[in-house]
Amino acid sequence: MKSTSGIPLAFFLTVMNVWAAWQFGVPLWQVWGADPLKRVGLLLMSGIASASLCHAWAQILKIRQLQQRLTAISAPPTSEVADV
């Protein structure tokens, strides 16, 4: 049984993150980038968004690896019959 749980969600989050950065990144930086405190806030928000996206992909890949291991363990072993 092959499961793709979480991959559509992670892909959607990735697309939305790229879209938001593309649409709003430059205008926000132009308006708020001059103030050092606001600049730190922008960088902090983009870092948190990037880290959460990386965490989502890492968890999904970890779940897939775990599912593959469980499938391999639960599969019946192929035994070779030895000629005696």
C-alpha atoms as a PDB file:
ATOM      1  CA  MET A   1       0.000   0.000   0.000  1.00  0.00           C
ATOM      2  CA  LYS A   2       1.578   3.219  -1.168  1.00  0.00           C
ATOM      3  CA  SER A   3       0.468   6.337   0.635  1.00  0.00           C
ATOM      4  CA  THR A   4       1.203   9.929  -0.290  1.00  0.00           C
ATOM      5  CA  SER A   5      -0.151  11.402   2.925  1.00  0.00           C
ATOM      6  CA  GLY A   6       0.952  14.949   3.462  1.00  0.00           C
ATOM      7  CA  ILE A   7       2.688  15.503   0.147  1.00  0.00           C
ATOM      8  CA  PRO A   8      -0.158  17.506  -1.428  1.00  0.00           C
ATOM      9  CA  LEU A   9      -0.312  19.694   1.670  1.00  0.00           C
ATOM     10  CA  ALA A  10       3.448  20.303   1.697  1.00  0.00           C
ATOM     11  CA  PHE A  11       3.399  21.050  -2.027  1.00  0.00           C
ATOM     12  CA  PHE A  12       0.531  23.505  -1.525  1.00  0.00           C
ATOM     13  CA  LEU A  13       2.394  25.213   1.332  1.00  0.00           C
ATOM     14  CA  THR A  14       5.502  25.485  -0.822  1.00  0.00           C
ATOM     15  CA  VAL A  15       3.599  27.017  -3.734  1.00  0.00           C
ATOM     16  CA  MET A  16       1.827  29.460  -1.442  1.00  0.00           C
ATOM     17  CA  ASN A  17       5.085  30.449   0.249  1.00  0.00           C
ATOM     18  CA  VAL A  18       6.760  31.127  -3.102  1.00  0.00           C
ATOM     19  CA  TRP A  19       3.710  33.041  -4.334  1.00  0.00           C
ATOM     20  CA  ALA A  20       3.554  35.206  -1.201  1.00  0.00           C
ATOM     21  CA  ALA A  21       7.263  35.989  -1.395  1.00  0.00           C
ATOM     22  CA  TRP A  22       6.950  36.831  -5.092  1.00  0.00           C
ATOM     23  CA  GLN A  23       3.882  39.067  -4.635  1.00  0.00           C
ATOM     24  CA  PHE A  24       4.580  40.780  -1.333  1.00  0.00           C
ATOM     25  CA  GLY A  25       8.290  40.458  -0.617  1.00  0.00           C
ATOM     26  CA  VAL A  26       9.646  43.351  -2.640  1.00  0.00           C
ATOM     27  CA  PRO A  27       6.875  45.869  -1.817  1.00  0.00           C
ATOM     28  CA  LEU A  28       7.088  45.094   1.894  1.00  0.00           C
ATOM     29  CA  TRP A  29      10.864  45.433   1.848  1.00  0.00           C
ATOM     30  CA  GLN A  30      10.632  48.748  -0.016  1.00  0.00           C
ATOM     31  CA  VAL A  31       8.121  50.177   2.473  1.00  0.00           C
ATOM     32  CA  TRP A  32       9.422  48.732   5.745  1.00  0.00           C
ATOM     33  CA  GLY A  33      13.053  47.984   4.878  1.00  0.00           C
ATOM     34  CA  ALA A  34      14.334  51.417   5.805  1.00  0.00           C
ATOM     35  CA  ASP A  35      13.445  51.034   9.490  1.00  0.00           C
ATOM     36  CA  PRO A  36      15.941  48.652  11.167  1.00  0.00           C
ATOM     37  CA  LEU A  37      13.414  47.303  13.680  1.00  0.00           C
ATOM     38  CA  LYS A  38      10.857  46.535  10.985  1.00  0.00           C
ATOM     39  CA  ARG A  39      13.602  45.012   8.826  1.00  0.00           C
ATOM     40  CA  VAL A  40      14.458  42.595  11.622  1.00  0.00           C
ATOM     41  CA  GLY A  41      10.750  41.738  11.931  1.00  0.00           C
ATOM     42  CA  LEU A  42      10.492  41.023   8.194  1.00  0.00           C
ATOM     43  CA  LEU A  43      13.586  38.845   8.252  1.00  0.00           C
ATOM     44  CA  LEU A  44      12.298  37.033  11.326  1.00  0.00           C
ATOM     45  CA  MET A  45       8.915  36.353   9.702  1.00  0.00           C
ATOM     46  CA  SER A  46      10.510  35.087   6.493  1.00  0.00           C
ATOM     47  CA  GLY A  47      12.871  32.894   8.487  1.00  0.00           C
ATOM     48  CA  ILE A  48      10.014  31.393  10.484  1.00  0.00           C
ATOM     49  CA  ALA A  49       8.019  30.744   7.302  1.00  0.00           C
ATOM     50  CA  SER A  50      11.018  29.092   5.679  1.00  0.00           C
ATOM     51  CA  ALA A  51      11.803  26.991   8.743  1.00  0.00           C
ATOM     52  CA  SER A  52       8.207  25.817   9.101  1.00  0.00           C
ATOM     53  CA  LEU A  53       8.135  24.831   5.437  1.00  0.00           C
ATOM     54  CA  CYS A  54      11.362  22.859   5.850  1.00  0.00           C
ATOM     55  CA  HIS A  55       9.937  21.209   8.968  1.00  0.00           C
ATOM     56  CA  ALA A  56       6.753  20.211   7.126  1.00  0.00           C
ATOM     57  CA  TRP A  57       8.730  18.568   4.313  1.00  0.00           C
ATOM     58  CA  ALA A  58      11.040  16.816   6.792  1.00  0.00           C
ATOM     59  CA  GLN A  59       8.105  15.380   8.733  1.00  0.00           C
ATOM     60  CA  ILE A  60       6.397  14.173   5.563  1.00  0.00           C
ATOM     61  CA  LEU A  61       9.557  12.506   4.312  1.00  0.00           C
ATOM     62  CA  LYS A  62      10.082  10.922   7.735  1.00  0.00           C
ATOM     63  CA  ILE A  63       6.519   9.549   7.678  1.00  0.00           C
ATOM     64  CA  ARG A  64       7.037   8.108   4.194  1.00  0.00           C
ATOM     65  CA  GLN A  65      10.278   6.404   5.258  1.00  0.00           C
ATOM     66  CA  LEU A  66       8.538   4.967   8.307  1.00  0.00           C
ATOM     67  CA  GLN A  67       5.675   3.667   6.150  1.00  0.00           C
ATOM     68  CA  GLN A  68       8.165   2.058   3.768  1.00  0.00           C
ATOM     69  CA  ARG A  69       9.969   0.373   6.658  1.00  0.00           C
ATOM     70  CA  LEU A  70       6.723  -0.910   8.144  1.00  0.00           C
ATOM     71  CA  THR A  71       5.664  -2.237   4.756  1.00  0.00           C
ATOM     72  CA  ALA A  72       9.004  -4.003   4.350  1.00  0.00           C
ATOM     73  CA  ILE A  73       8.742  -5.529   7.828  1.00  0.00           C
ATOM     74  CA  SER A  74       5.151  -6.683   7.401  1.00  0.00           C
ATOM     75  CA  ALA A  75       5.760  -8.181   3.944  1.00  0.00           C
ATOM     76  CA  PRO A  76       6.108 -11.938   4.017  1.00  0.00           C
ATOM     77  CA  PRO A  77       9.738 -12.971   3.707  1.00  0.00           C
ATOM     78  CA  THR A  78      10.803 -14.707   0.559  1.00  0.00           C
ATOM     79  CA  SER A  79      12.410 -17.902   1.676  1.00  0.00           C
ATOM     80  CA  GLU A  80      14.569 -19.989  -0.542  1.00  0.00           C
ATOM     81  CA  VAL A  81      14.084 -23.694  -0.393  1.00  0.00           C
ATOM     82  CA  ALA A  82      17.373 -25.468   0.009  1.00  0.00           C
ATOM     83  CA  ASP A  83      17.941 -28.803  -1.633  1.00  0.00           C
ATOM     84  CA  VAL A  84      18.948 -31.247   1.021  1.00  0.00           C
END
